Protein backbone atom coordinates (compact mmCIF):
# COMPACT_ATOMS: atom_id res chain seq x y z
CA MET A 1 81.55 25.61 73.87
CA SER A 2 79.18 28.17 72.33
CA THR A 3 80.27 30.42 69.49
CA LEU A 4 77.32 32.77 69.93
CA THR A 5 78.09 36.46 70.43
CA PRO A 6 76.86 37.46 73.89
CA VAL A 7 74.12 40.07 74.12
CA LYS A 8 75.52 42.97 76.16
CA TYR A 9 72.94 45.65 75.31
CA VAL A 10 69.15 45.44 74.84
CA ASP A 11 66.49 47.79 73.55
CA GLY A 12 63.27 46.97 75.40
CA PHE A 13 59.73 48.00 74.51
CA VAL A 14 56.25 47.65 76.01
CA PHE A 15 53.29 48.08 73.63
CA VAL A 16 49.52 48.10 74.07
CA VAL A 17 47.81 46.31 71.17
CA GLU A 18 44.09 45.97 70.57
CA LYS A 19 43.29 42.25 70.44
CA GLY A 20 41.70 42.70 67.01
CA GLY A 21 44.95 44.25 65.78
CA ILE A 22 47.20 41.34 66.80
CA PRO A 23 47.51 39.87 63.27
CA LYS A 24 48.60 43.27 61.91
CA TYR A 25 51.00 43.77 64.84
CA ARG A 26 52.45 40.28 64.37
CA LYS A 27 53.04 40.97 60.65
CA MET A 28 54.68 44.32 61.43
CA ALA A 29 56.89 42.63 64.04
CA GLN A 30 57.92 39.84 61.66
CA ASP A 31 58.82 42.35 58.95
CA GLY A 32 60.66 44.57 61.44
CA GLY A 33 62.53 41.65 62.94
CA LYS A 34 63.85 40.64 59.53
CA VAL A 35 65.17 44.18 58.98
CA TRP A 36 66.88 44.37 62.39
CA MET A 37 68.45 40.94 61.99
CA LYS A 38 69.59 41.74 58.43
CA HIS A 39 71.43 44.79 59.76
CA GLY A 40 73.21 42.93 62.55
CA ALA A 41 71.00 42.63 65.63
CA LEU A 42 71.89 39.51 67.62
CA SER A 43 68.31 38.69 68.59
CA TYR A 44 64.79 40.00 68.12
CA LYS A 45 61.85 38.92 70.30
CA GLU A 46 58.17 39.89 70.40
CA CYS A 47 56.27 38.53 73.39
CA GLN A 48 52.54 38.70 74.15
CA LEU A 49 51.53 38.92 77.80
CA GLU A 50 50.22 35.60 79.05
CA HIS A 51 50.54 35.65 82.85
CA ALA A 52 49.02 39.05 83.61
CA THR A 53 48.51 38.92 87.38
CA PRO A 54 51.42 37.18 89.09
CA GLU A 55 51.07 36.70 92.83
CA PHE A 56 52.83 39.21 95.12
CA VAL A 57 53.28 41.84 92.37
CA THR A 58 51.51 45.15 92.92
CA LEU A 59 52.34 46.91 89.64
CA THR A 60 51.50 44.47 86.86
CA PHE A 61 52.00 45.18 83.16
CA PRO A 62 48.25 45.76 82.64
CA LYS A 63 48.27 48.41 85.40
CA LEU A 64 51.50 49.94 84.15
CA ALA A 65 50.14 50.18 80.58
CA LYS A 66 46.66 51.30 81.74
CA LEU A 67 45.19 48.39 79.83
CA LYS A 68 41.57 48.68 78.70
CA PRO A 69 39.16 45.84 77.87
CA GLY A 70 39.98 44.36 74.48
CA GLU A 71 43.68 45.21 74.71
CA THR A 72 46.79 43.19 75.45
CA VAL A 73 50.40 43.98 76.36
CA TRP A 74 53.42 43.04 74.30
CA PHE A 75 57.02 43.13 75.54
CA SER A 76 59.67 43.25 72.85
CA TYR A 77 63.44 43.33 72.93
CA ILE A 78 66.34 43.45 70.53
CA GLY A 79 69.80 42.24 71.53
CA TYR A 80 73.14 43.79 70.55
CA LYS A 81 76.87 43.44 71.26
CA SER A 82 77.04 46.91 72.82
CA LYS A 83 75.39 50.34 72.81
CA ALA A 84 77.68 51.36 69.93
CA HIS A 85 76.60 48.24 68.00
CA ARG A 86 72.95 49.14 68.72
CA ASP A 87 73.52 52.65 67.40
CA SER A 88 75.15 51.29 64.23
CA VAL A 89 72.38 48.74 63.59
CA ASN A 90 69.60 51.27 64.26
CA LYS A 91 71.20 53.77 61.89
CA LYS A 92 71.06 51.14 59.09
CA VAL A 93 67.50 50.15 60.01
CA MET A 94 66.28 53.76 59.97
CA LYS A 95 68.02 54.32 56.61
CA GLU A 96 66.18 51.31 55.17
CA PHE A 97 62.86 52.60 56.54
CA GLU A 98 63.54 56.02 54.97
CA GLU A 99 64.28 54.34 51.62
CA GLN A 100 61.01 52.41 51.88
CA LYS A 101 59.20 55.71 52.49
CA LYS A 102 60.74 57.16 49.33
CA ASP A 103 59.47 54.11 47.44
CA GLY A 104 55.92 54.79 48.65
CA GLU A 105 55.92 52.32 51.55
CA ASP A 106 55.87 53.75 55.06
CA PRO A 107 56.57 51.09 57.70
CA MET A 108 55.89 53.67 60.43
CA LYS A 109 52.41 54.60 59.12
CA ASP A 110 49.31 53.18 60.82
CA MET A 111 51.13 51.46 63.65
CA PRO A 112 48.97 48.68 65.14
CA PHE A 113 49.55 49.84 68.72
CA ASP A 114 48.93 52.92 70.85
CA MET A 115 52.06 55.07 70.37
CA LYS A 116 51.11 57.22 73.39
CA ARG A 117 51.32 54.19 75.69
CA MET A 118 54.50 52.71 74.25
CA SER A 119 57.46 52.47 76.61
CA TYR A 120 61.07 52.15 75.49
CA GLY A 121 64.53 52.06 76.97
CA GLY A 122 68.07 50.99 76.17
CA PHE A 123 69.56 48.64 78.77
CA LYS A 124 73.12 47.58 79.51
CA VAL A 125 73.16 43.89 80.38
CA GLU A 126 74.61 43.47 83.88
CA VAL A 127 73.99 39.75 84.39
CA GLY A 128 73.43 37.20 81.67
CA PHE A 129 73.82 33.52 80.95
């Protein structure tokens, strides 16, 4: 019997990252993941697109993100107990980021992805195992 808390709510993201910027993106993601997990997220995943053109799919992630040569797509998601839990965790995360800004560090400065082509949504889990 598992004692893990089930993920019932997910924030999902799609990012376009220049291939040369992957090390910087990976570092940002590792640092961000530690902050989200510290403040109570149940899971934190950063995934680089590997299978870009699956058979029988007309709108692939590269088409959706208007991918250009030298770019790649990342799909990221953070798991929570509920939307209320997500809101609570994100409030703490944003407070920490604001404190870092006051200390001269700005985790939101010079993002290693194209902010104009970022997609985001909050999702209620309907089926899960």
